[in-house]
All heavy atoms as atom14 arrays in JSON, in Angstrom:
{
  "sequence": "TIQAQILELIARLRRERGLGVILITHNLGIVASLADRVEVMYAGWI",
  "atom14_mask": [
    [1, 1, 1, 1, 1, 1, 1, 0, 0, 0, 0, 0, 0, 0],
    [1, 1, 1, 1, 1, 1, 1, 1, 0, 0, 0, 0, 0, 0],
    [1, 1, 1, 1, 1, 1, 1, 1, 1, 0, 0, 0, 0, 0],
    [1, 1, 1, 1, 1, 0, 0, 0, 0, 0, 0, 0, 0, 0],
    [1, 1, 1, 1, 1, 1, 1, 1, 1, 0, 0, 0, 0, 0],
    [1, 1, 1, 1, 1, 1, 1, 1, 0, 0, 0, 0, 0, 0],
    [1, 1, 1, 1, 1, 1, 1, 1, 0, 0, 0, 0, 0, 0],
    [1, 1, 1, 1, 1, 1, 1, 1, 1, 0, 0, 0, 0, 0],
    [1, 1, 1, 1, 1, 1, 1, 1, 0, 0, 0, 0, 0, 0],
    [1, 1, 1, 1, 1, 1, 1, 1, 0, 0, 0, 0, 0, 0],
    [1, 1, 1, 1, 1, 0, 0, 0, 0, 0, 0, 0, 0, 0],
    [1, 1, 1, 1, 1, 1, 1, 1, 1, 1, 1, 0, 0, 0],
    [1, 1, 1, 1, 1, 1, 1, 1, 0, 0, 0, 0, 0, 0],
    [1, 1, 1, 1, 1, 1, 1, 1, 1, 1, 1, 0, 0, 0],
    [1, 1, 1, 1, 1, 1, 1, 1, 1, 1, 1, 0, 0, 0],
    [1, 1, 1, 1, 1, 1, 1, 1, 1, 0, 0, 0, 0, 0],
    [1, 1, 1, 1, 1, 1, 1, 1, 1, 1, 1, 0, 0, 0],
    [1, 1, 1, 1, 0, 0, 0, 0, 0, 0, 0, 0, 0, 0],
    [1, 1, 1, 1, 1, 1, 1, 1, 0, 0, 0, 0, 0, 0],
    [1, 1, 1, 1, 0, 0, 0, 0, 0, 0, 0, 0, 0, 0],
    [1, 1, 1, 1, 1, 1, 1, 0, 0, 0, 0, 0, 0, 0],
    [1, 1, 1, 1, 1, 1, 1, 1, 0, 0, 0, 0, 0, 0],
    [1, 1, 1, 1, 1, 1, 1, 1, 0, 0, 0, 0, 0, 0],
    [1, 1, 1, 1, 1, 1, 1, 1, 0, 0, 0, 0, 0, 0],
    [1, 1, 1, 1, 1, 1, 1, 0, 0, 0, 0, 0, 0, 0],
    [1, 1, 1, 1, 1, 1, 1, 1, 1, 1, 0, 0, 0, 0],
    [1, 1, 1, 1, 1, 1, 1, 1, 0, 0, 0, 0, 0, 0],
    [1, 1, 1, 1, 1, 1, 1, 1, 0, 0, 0, 0, 0, 0],
    [1, 1, 1, 1, 0, 0, 0, 0, 0, 0, 0, 0, 0, 0],
    [1, 1, 1, 1, 1, 1, 1, 1, 0, 0, 0, 0, 0, 0],
    [1, 1, 1, 1, 1, 1, 1, 0, 0, 0, 0, 0, 0, 0],
    [1, 1, 1, 1, 1, 0, 0, 0, 0, 0, 0, 0, 0, 0],
    [1, 1, 1, 1, 1, 1, 0, 0, 0, 0, 0, 0, 0, 0],
    [1, 1, 1, 1, 1, 1, 1, 1, 0, 0, 0, 0, 0, 0],
    [1, 1, 1, 1, 1, 0, 0, 0, 0, 0, 0, 0, 0, 0],
    [1, 1, 1, 1, 1, 1, 1, 1, 0, 0, 0, 0, 0, 0],
    [1, 1, 1, 1, 1, 1, 1, 1, 1, 1, 1, 0, 0, 0],
    [1, 1, 1, 1, 1, 1, 1, 0, 0, 0, 0, 0, 0, 0],
    [1, 1, 1, 1, 1, 1, 1, 1, 1, 0, 0, 0, 0, 0],
    [1, 1, 1, 1, 1, 1, 1, 0, 0, 0, 0, 0, 0, 0],
    [1, 1, 1, 1, 1, 1, 1, 1, 0, 0, 0, 0, 0, 0],
    [1, 1, 1, 1, 1, 1, 1, 1, 1, 1, 1, 1, 0, 0],
    [1, 1, 1, 1, 1, 0, 0, 0, 0, 0, 0, 0, 0, 0],
    [1, 1, 1, 1, 0, 0, 0, 0, 0, 0, 0, 0, 0, 0],
    [1, 1, 1, 1, 1, 1, 1, 1, 1, 1, 1, 1, 1, 1],
    [1, 1, 1, 1, 1, 1, 1, 1, 0, 0, 0, 0, 0, 0]
  ],
  "atom14_positions": [
    [[16.28, 26.98, 0.65], [15.4, 26.6, -0.42], [15.12, 25.2, -0.48], [13.93, 24.56, -0.41], [15.6, 27.26, -1.7], [15.69, 28.62, -1.55], [14.6, 26.88, -2.68], [0.0, 0.0, 0.0], [0.0, 0.0, 0.0], [0.0, 0.0, 0.0], [0.0, 0.0, 0.0], [0.0, 0.0, 0.0], [0.0, 0.0, 0.0], [0.0, 0.0, 0.0]],
    [[16.03, 24.27, -0.51], [16.04, 22.87, -0.57], [15.52, 22.19, 0.66], [14.79, 21.37, 0.68], [17.42, 22.34, -1.02], [17.93, 22.89, -2.41], [17.27, 20.88, -1.13], [16.95, 22.75, -3.49], [0.0, 0.0, 0.0], [0.0, 0.0, 0.0], [0.0, 0.0, 0.0], [0.0, 0.0, 0.0], [0.0, 0.0, 0.0], [0.0, 0.0, 0.0]],
    [[15.95, 22.8, 1.74], [15.39, 22.41, 3.15], [13.97, 22.49, 3.07], [13.29, 21.41, 3.41], [15.95, 23.28, 4.3], [17.37, 23.02, 4.65], [17.72, 23.81, 5.96], [16.9, 24.19, 6.64], [19.07, 24.16, 6.04], [0.0, 0.0, 0.0], [0.0, 0.0, 0.0], [0.0, 0.0, 0.0], [0.0, 0.0, 0.0], [0.0, 0.0, 0.0]],
    [[13.4, 23.58, 2.75], [11.91, 23.69, 2.56], [11.23, 22.62, 1.78], [10.19, 22.0, 2.05], [11.51, 25.13, 2.21], [0.0, 0.0, 0.0], [0.0, 0.0, 0.0], [0.0, 0.0, 0.0], [0.0, 0.0, 0.0], [0.0, 0.0, 0.0], [0.0, 0.0, 0.0], [0.0, 0.0, 0.0], [0.0, 0.0, 0.0], [0.0, 0.0, 0.0]],
    [[11.97, 22.49, 0.59], [11.35, 21.41, -0.41], [11.29, 19.9, 0.24], [10.4, 19.36, 0.05], [12.13, 21.39, -1.57], [12.07, 22.72, -2.5], [12.87, 22.75, -3.66], [13.59, 21.82, -3.98], [12.88, 23.87, -4.44], [0.0, 0.0, 0.0], [0.0, 0.0, 0.0], [0.0, 0.0, 0.0], [0.0, 0.0, 0.0], [0.0, 0.0, 0.0]],
    [[12.38, 19.66, 0.81], [12.53, 18.35, 1.56], [11.43, 18.08, 2.61], [10.85, 17.15, 2.76], [13.87, 18.07, 2.09], [14.91, 17.94, 0.91], [13.92, 16.65, 2.86], [14.59, 16.98, -0.16], [0.0, 0.0, 0.0], [0.0, 0.0, 0.0], [0.0, 0.0, 0.0], [0.0, 0.0, 0.0], [0.0, 0.0, 0.0], [0.0, 0.0, 0.0]],
    [[11.34, 19.23, 3.46], [10.34, 19.13, 4.53], [8.89, 19.1, 4.02], [8.08, 18.35, 4.52], [10.53, 20.4, 5.45], [11.81, 20.24, 6.23], [11.96, 21.7, 6.97], [11.82, 19.25, 7.24], [0.0, 0.0, 0.0], [0.0, 0.0, 0.0], [0.0, 0.0, 0.0], [0.0, 0.0, 0.0], [0.0, 0.0, 0.0], [0.0, 0.0, 0.0]],
    [[8.65, 19.83, 2.98], [7.3, 19.74, 2.34], [7.07, 18.4, 1.73], [5.87, 17.84, 1.84], [7.14, 20.76, 1.21], [5.85, 20.75, 0.4], [4.58, 20.69, 1.26], [4.59, 21.35, 2.3], [3.71, 19.98, 0.83], [0.0, 0.0, 0.0], [0.0, 0.0, 0.0], [0.0, 0.0, 0.0], [0.0, 0.0, 0.0], [0.0, 0.0, 0.0]],
    [[8.06, 17.71, 1.12], [7.93, 16.43, 0.61], [7.58, 15.38, 1.69], [6.65, 14.58, 1.58], [9.34, 16.0, -0.04], [9.44, 14.6, -0.6], [8.3, 14.28, -1.57], [10.73, 14.35, -1.21], [0.0, 0.0, 0.0], [0.0, 0.0, 0.0], [0.0, 0.0, 0.0], [0.0, 0.0, 0.0], [0.0, 0.0, 0.0], [0.0, 0.0, 0.0]],
    [[8.37, 15.51, 2.82], [8.06, 14.62, 3.98], [6.6, 14.87, 4.37], [5.8, 13.83, 4.67], [8.92, 14.74, 5.18], [10.32, 14.32, 4.7], [8.54, 14.18, 6.33], [11.45, 14.71, 5.68], [0.0, 0.0, 0.0], [0.0, 0.0, 0.0], [0.0, 0.0, 0.0], [0.0, 0.0, 0.0], [0.0, 0.0, 0.0], [0.0, 0.0, 0.0]],
    [[6.07, 16.15, 4.45], [4.65, 16.42, 4.83], [3.71, 15.85, 3.94], [2.73, 15.25, 4.28], [4.56, 17.98, 5.1], [0.0, 0.0, 0.0], [0.0, 0.0, 0.0], [0.0, 0.0, 0.0], [0.0, 0.0, 0.0], [0.0, 0.0, 0.0], [0.0, 0.0, 0.0], [0.0, 0.0, 0.0], [0.0, 0.0, 0.0], [0.0, 0.0, 0.0]],
    [[4.03, 15.97, 2.58], [3.11, 15.42, 1.53], [2.95, 13.93, 1.61], [1.85, 13.39, 1.48], [3.52, 15.99, 0.19], [2.68, 15.34, -0.94], [3.1, 15.93, -2.2], [4.51, 15.69, -2.74], [4.84, 14.61, -3.36], [3.87, 13.65, -3.54], [6.17, 14.57, -3.78], [0.0, 0.0, 0.0], [0.0, 0.0, 0.0], [0.0, 0.0, 0.0]],
    [[4.15, 13.21, 1.76], [4.19, 11.88, 1.84], [3.33, 11.28, 3.08], [2.67, 10.22, 2.97], [5.57, 11.32, 1.86], [6.42, 11.41, 0.44], [7.83, 11.15, 0.68], [5.78, 10.63, -0.51], [0.0, 0.0, 0.0], [0.0, 0.0, 0.0], [0.0, 0.0, 0.0], [0.0, 0.0, 0.0], [0.0, 0.0, 0.0], [0.0, 0.0, 0.0]],
    [[3.51, 12.09, 4.17], [2.79, 11.68, 5.35], [1.25, 11.8, 5.05], [0.44, 10.85, 5.39], [3.1, 12.7, 6.51], [2.37, 12.38, 7.86], [1.07, 13.2, 7.97], [1.42, 14.66, 8.09], [1.32, 15.27, 9.34], [1.02, 14.73, 10.36], [1.48, 16.48, 9.35], [0.0, 0.0, 0.0], [0.0, 0.0, 0.0], [0.0, 0.0, 0.0]],
    [[0.76, 12.74, 4.35], [-0.57, 12.91, 4.09], [-1.07, 11.84, 3.05], [-2.05, 11.19, 3.19], [-0.9, 14.32, 3.55], [-0.7, 15.48, 4.48], [-1.27, 16.72, 3.76], [-0.64, 17.12, 2.49], [0.41, 17.91, 2.43], [1.01, 18.37, 3.53], [0.96, 18.16, 1.31], [0.0, 0.0, 0.0], [0.0, 0.0, 0.0], [0.0, 0.0, 0.0]],
    [[-0.28, 11.51, 2.08], [-0.67, 10.65, 0.98], [-0.64, 9.21, 1.37], [-1.39, 8.39, 0.97], [0.18, 10.84, -0.27], [0.02, 12.28, -0.92], [1.0, 12.41, -2.09], [1.83, 11.66, -2.33], [0.8, 13.47, -2.8], [0.0, 0.0, 0.0], [0.0, 0.0, 0.0], [0.0, 0.0, 0.0], [0.0, 0.0, 0.0], [0.0, 0.0, 0.0]],
    [[0.42, 8.88, 2.22], [0.59, 7.58, 2.6], [0.2, 7.13, 3.91], [0.21, 5.97, 4.39], [2.1, 7.12, 2.43], [2.56, 7.04, 0.98], [4.01, 6.69, 0.95], [4.44, 6.48, -0.49], [5.04, 5.18, -0.81], [5.19, 4.29, 0.15], [5.39, 5.03, -2.07], [0.0, 0.0, 0.0], [0.0, 0.0, 0.0], [0.0, 0.0, 0.0]],
    [[-0.21, 8.2, 4.84], [-0.57, 7.83, 6.09], [0.57, 7.37, 7.04], [0.46, 6.62, 8.09], [0.0, 0.0, 0.0], [0.0, 0.0, 0.0], [0.0, 0.0, 0.0], [0.0, 0.0, 0.0], [0.0, 0.0, 0.0], [0.0, 0.0, 0.0], [0.0, 0.0, 0.0], [0.0, 0.0, 0.0], [0.0, 0.0, 0.0], [0.0, 0.0, 0.0]],
    [[1.93, 7.88, 6.63], [2.94, 7.47, 7.47], [3.02, 8.09, 8.79], [2.63, 9.27, 9.02], [4.28, 8.03, 6.73], [4.65, 7.29, 5.34], [5.86, 8.12, 4.71], [4.98, 5.84, 5.54], [0.0, 0.0, 0.0], [0.0, 0.0, 0.0], [0.0, 0.0, 0.0], [0.0, 0.0, 0.0], [0.0, 0.0, 0.0], [0.0, 0.0, 0.0]],
    [[3.6, 7.3, 9.77], [4.03, 8.03, 11.01], [5.53, 8.45, 10.86], [6.25, 7.69, 10.2], [0.0, 0.0, 0.0], [0.0, 0.0, 0.0], [0.0, 0.0, 0.0], [0.0, 0.0, 0.0], [0.0, 0.0, 0.0], [0.0, 0.0, 0.0], [0.0, 0.0, 0.0], [0.0, 0.0, 0.0], [0.0, 0.0, 0.0], [0.0, 0.0, 0.0]],
    [[5.75, 9.49, 11.33], [7.13, 10.07, 11.19], [7.7, 10.43, 12.5], [7.0, 11.14, 13.26], [7.11, 11.24, 10.26], [8.56, 12.05, 10.01], [6.44, 10.94, 8.91], [0.0, 0.0, 0.0], [0.0, 0.0, 0.0], [0.0, 0.0, 0.0], [0.0, 0.0, 0.0], [0.0, 0.0, 0.0], [0.0, 0.0, 0.0], [0.0, 0.0, 0.0]],
    [[9.0, 10.1, 12.64], [9.77, 10.71, 13.73], [10.76, 11.56, 13.14], [11.63, 11.25, 12.27], [10.57, 9.64, 14.58], [9.68, 8.79, 15.13], [11.39, 10.28, 15.69], [10.31, 7.54, 15.96], [0.0, 0.0, 0.0], [0.0, 0.0, 0.0], [0.0, 0.0, 0.0], [0.0, 0.0, 0.0], [0.0, 0.0, 0.0], [0.0, 0.0, 0.0]],
    [[10.79, 12.9, 13.35], [11.72, 13.81, 12.8], [12.72, 14.32, 13.95], [12.32, 14.91, 14.83], [10.86, 15.07, 12.31], [11.69, 16.26, 11.79], [12.39, 15.89, 10.45], [10.73, 17.48, 11.43], [0.0, 0.0, 0.0], [0.0, 0.0, 0.0], [0.0, 0.0, 0.0], [0.0, 0.0, 0.0], [0.0, 0.0, 0.0], [0.0, 0.0, 0.0]],
    [[13.92, 13.92, 13.6], [14.99, 14.37, 14.57], [15.68, 15.75, 13.95], [16.04, 15.78, 12.78], [16.09, 13.32, 14.52], [15.43, 12.06, 15.07], [17.23, 13.72, 15.38], [16.42, 10.82, 14.89], [0.0, 0.0, 0.0], [0.0, 0.0, 0.0], [0.0, 0.0, 0.0], [0.0, 0.0, 0.0], [0.0, 0.0, 0.0], [0.0, 0.0, 0.0]],
    [[15.66, 16.76, 14.76], [16.29, 18.02, 14.52], [16.79, 18.81, 15.62], [16.37, 18.44, 16.84], [15.21, 18.86, 13.67], [15.77, 20.09, 13.29], [14.01, 19.07, 14.5], [0.0, 0.0, 0.0], [0.0, 0.0, 0.0], [0.0, 0.0, 0.0], [0.0, 0.0, 0.0], [0.0, 0.0, 0.0], [0.0, 0.0, 0.0], [0.0, 0.0, 0.0]],
    [[17.49, 19.83, 15.38], [18.07, 20.65, 16.51], [17.28, 21.97, 16.42], [17.49, 22.93, 17.26], [19.44, 20.95, 16.36], [19.9, 21.66, 15.11], [20.2, 20.9, 14.0], [20.07, 22.9, 14.83], [20.39, 21.77, 13.02], [20.38, 23.06, 13.47], [0.0, 0.0, 0.0], [0.0, 0.0, 0.0], [0.0, 0.0, 0.0], [0.0, 0.0, 0.0]],
    [[16.41, 22.19, 15.43], [15.88, 23.41, 15.08], [14.31, 23.46, 15.31], [13.53, 22.82, 14.68], [16.11, 23.83, 13.59], [15.67, 25.25, 13.35], [14.97, 25.91, 14.02], [16.21, 25.77, 12.14], [0.0, 0.0, 0.0], [0.0, 0.0, 0.0], [0.0, 0.0, 0.0], [0.0, 0.0, 0.0], [0.0, 0.0, 0.0], [0.0, 0.0, 0.0]],
    [[13.86, 24.11, 16.5], [12.49, 24.21, 16.73], [11.67, 24.98, 15.59], [10.56, 24.81, 15.45], [12.2, 24.91, 18.07], [12.14, 23.9, 19.22], [12.12, 24.75, 20.53], [10.92, 23.0, 19.15], [0.0, 0.0, 0.0], [0.0, 0.0, 0.0], [0.0, 0.0, 0.0], [0.0, 0.0, 0.0], [0.0, 0.0, 0.0], [0.0, 0.0, 0.0]],
    [[12.42, 25.84, 14.9], [11.71, 26.61, 13.84], [11.32, 25.62, 12.83], [10.07, 25.94, 12.08], [0.0, 0.0, 0.0], [0.0, 0.0, 0.0], [0.0, 0.0, 0.0], [0.0, 0.0, 0.0], [0.0, 0.0, 0.0], [0.0, 0.0, 0.0], [0.0, 0.0, 0.0], [0.0, 0.0, 0.0], [0.0, 0.0, 0.0], [0.0, 0.0, 0.0]],
    [[11.92, 24.59, 12.43], [11.53, 23.58, 11.44], [10.31, 22.92, 11.71], [9.42, 22.7, 10.88], [12.74, 22.53, 11.19], [13.82, 23.25, 10.34], [12.25, 21.36, 10.53], [15.04, 22.36, 10.19], [0.0, 0.0, 0.0], [0.0, 0.0, 0.0], [0.0, 0.0, 0.0], [0.0, 0.0, 0.0], [0.0, 0.0, 0.0], [0.0, 0.0, 0.0]],
    [[10.09, 22.48, 13.13], [9.04, 21.7, 13.44], [7.73, 22.49, 13.62], [6.57, 21.9, 13.78], [9.25, 20.83, 14.7], [10.62, 20.23, 14.48], [9.34, 21.68, 15.93], [0.0, 0.0, 0.0], [0.0, 0.0, 0.0], [0.0, 0.0, 0.0], [0.0, 0.0, 0.0], [0.0, 0.0, 0.0], [0.0, 0.0, 0.0], [0.0, 0.0, 0.0]],
    [[7.78, 23.83, 13.77], [6.6, 24.63, 14.08], [5.42, 24.41, 13.25], [4.29, 24.32, 13.71], [7.0, 26.09, 14.08], [0.0, 0.0, 0.0], [0.0, 0.0, 0.0], [0.0, 0.0, 0.0], [0.0, 0.0, 0.0], [0.0, 0.0, 0.0], [0.0, 0.0, 0.0], [0.0, 0.0, 0.0], [0.0, 0.0, 0.0], [0.0, 0.0, 0.0]],
    [[5.57, 24.3, 11.96], [4.51, 24.03, 11.06], [4.35, 22.56, 10.55], [3.53, 22.34, 9.64], [4.62, 25.0, 9.86], [5.72, 24.84, 9.11], [0.0, 0.0, 0.0], [0.0, 0.0, 0.0], [0.0, 0.0, 0.0], [0.0, 0.0, 0.0], [0.0, 0.0, 0.0], [0.0, 0.0, 0.0], [0.0, 0.0, 0.0], [0.0, 0.0, 0.0]],
    [[5.29, 21.67, 10.98], [5.34, 20.35, 10.29], [4.9, 19.37, 11.41], [4.2, 18.4, 11.11], [6.7, 20.09, 9.92], [6.95, 18.9, 9.22], [6.17, 18.89, 7.85], [8.48, 18.71, 8.89], [0.0, 0.0, 0.0], [0.0, 0.0, 0.0], [0.0, 0.0, 0.0], [0.0, 0.0, 0.0], [0.0, 0.0, 0.0], [0.0, 0.0, 0.0]],
    [[5.4, 19.36, 12.6], [5.16, 18.37, 13.65], [3.82, 18.47, 14.4], [3.42, 19.58, 14.51], [6.3, 18.32, 14.63], [0.0, 0.0, 0.0], [0.0, 0.0, 0.0], [0.0, 0.0, 0.0], [0.0, 0.0, 0.0], [0.0, 0.0, 0.0], [0.0, 0.0, 0.0], [0.0, 0.0, 0.0], [0.0, 0.0, 0.0], [0.0, 0.0, 0.0]],
    [[3.26, 17.4, 14.78], [2.03, 17.35, 15.7], [2.43, 17.42, 17.06], [1.67, 18.06, 17.92], [1.24, 16.14, 15.3], [0.8, 15.91, 13.92], [0.11, 16.82, 13.47], [1.33, 15.04, 13.2], [0.0, 0.0, 0.0], [0.0, 0.0, 0.0], [0.0, 0.0, 0.0], [0.0, 0.0, 0.0], [0.0, 0.0, 0.0], [0.0, 0.0, 0.0]],
    [[3.58, 16.92, 17.35], [3.94, 16.85, 18.93], [5.53, 16.89, 18.97], [6.28, 16.57, 17.91], [3.54, 15.59, 19.48], [3.72, 15.48, 21.06], [3.01, 14.39, 21.73], [3.15, 14.52, 23.19], [2.25, 15.29, 23.86], [1.24, 15.81, 23.33], [2.47, 15.48, 25.25], [0.0, 0.0, 0.0], [0.0, 0.0, 0.0], [0.0, 0.0, 0.0]],
    [[5.94, 17.58, 19.94], [7.47, 17.79, 20.13], [8.01, 17.17, 21.35], [7.22, 17.4, 22.47], [7.69, 19.34, 20.09], [9.32, 19.52, 20.25], [7.36, 19.99, 18.8], [0.0, 0.0, 0.0], [0.0, 0.0, 0.0], [0.0, 0.0, 0.0], [0.0, 0.0, 0.0], [0.0, 0.0, 0.0], [0.0, 0.0, 0.0], [0.0, 0.0, 0.0]],
    [[9.03, 16.51, 21.38], [9.75, 16.01, 22.55], [11.08, 16.67, 22.58], [11.89, 16.47, 21.75], [9.91, 14.47, 22.47], [8.65, 13.6, 22.09], [7.59, 13.67, 23.21], [7.98, 13.86, 24.37], [6.38, 13.47, 22.94], [0.0, 0.0, 0.0], [0.0, 0.0, 0.0], [0.0, 0.0, 0.0], [0.0, 0.0, 0.0], [0.0, 0.0, 0.0]],
    [[11.29, 17.51, 23.5], [12.56, 18.24, 23.72], [13.51, 17.4, 24.44], [13.22, 17.12, 25.65], [12.41, 19.58, 24.28], [13.75, 20.38, 24.41], [11.36, 20.42, 23.49], [0.0, 0.0, 0.0], [0.0, 0.0, 0.0], [0.0, 0.0, 0.0], [0.0, 0.0, 0.0], [0.0, 0.0, 0.0], [0.0, 0.0, 0.0], [0.0, 0.0, 0.0]],
    [[14.68, 16.96, 23.96], [15.67, 16.2, 24.63], [16.95, 17.1, 25.07], [17.29, 17.97, 24.32], [16.17, 15.08, 23.77], [15.12, 13.97, 23.53], [15.82, 12.42, 22.88], [16.83, 11.85, 24.31], [0.0, 0.0, 0.0], [0.0, 0.0, 0.0], [0.0, 0.0, 0.0], [0.0, 0.0, 0.0], [0.0, 0.0, 0.0], [0.0, 0.0, 0.0]],
    [[17.36, 16.74, 26.21], [18.55, 17.42, 26.66], [19.38, 16.39, 27.55], [18.86, 15.81, 28.43], [18.35, 18.66, 27.49], [19.67, 19.34, 27.89], [20.31, 20.09, 26.92], [20.32, 19.16, 29.09], [21.53, 20.75, 27.31], [21.47, 19.7, 29.37], [22.13, 20.54, 28.47], [23.3, 21.14, 28.83], [0.0, 0.0, 0.0], [0.0, 0.0, 0.0]],
    [[20.68, 16.15, 27.16], [21.57, 15.24, 27.91], [20.92, 13.93, 28.4], [20.92, 13.48, 29.42], [21.99, 15.96, 29.23], [0.0, 0.0, 0.0], [0.0, 0.0, 0.0], [0.0, 0.0, 0.0], [0.0, 0.0, 0.0], [0.0, 0.0, 0.0], [0.0, 0.0, 0.0], [0.0, 0.0, 0.0], [0.0, 0.0, 0.0], [0.0, 0.0, 0.0]],
    [[20.19, 13.25, 27.34], [19.62, 11.97, 27.64], [18.29, 11.91, 28.17], [17.57, 10.85, 28.24], [0.0, 0.0, 0.0], [0.0, 0.0, 0.0], [0.0, 0.0, 0.0], [0.0, 0.0, 0.0], [0.0, 0.0, 0.0], [0.0, 0.0, 0.0], [0.0, 0.0, 0.0], [0.0, 0.0, 0.0], [0.0, 0.0, 0.0], [0.0, 0.0, 0.0]],
    [[17.76, 13.08, 28.59], [16.4, 13.29, 29.15], [15.44, 13.94, 28.12], [15.82, 14.74, 27.26], [16.32, 14.16, 30.34], [16.84, 13.59, 31.6], [17.11, 12.29, 31.93], [17.29, 14.32, 32.82], [17.6, 12.1, 33.13], [17.62, 13.49, 33.81], [17.12, 15.7, 33.06], [18.06, 13.86, 35.18], [17.58, 16.0, 34.38], [17.99, 15.17, 35.36]],
    [[14.25, 13.5, 28.17], [13.25, 14.36, 27.54], [12.88, 15.39, 28.73], [12.37, 14.99, 29.76], [11.9, 13.56, 27.16], [12.28, 12.84, 25.78], [10.72, 14.53, 26.86], [11.13, 12.0, 25.25], [0.0, 0.0, 0.0], [0.0, 0.0, 0.0], [0.0, 0.0, 0.0], [0.0, 0.0, 0.0], [0.0, 0.0, 0.0], [0.0, 0.0, 0.0]]
  ]
}
């Protein structure tokens, strides 16, 4: 529940302030509705 609140807060601040955001995560499920673009990294490579 708190994860969802924090992610929604980041999304709202992006909209209100026009922030560019780099979101680091291991969970593709988190970025599905949040990120505009995804870079998948493995062992030092994209």
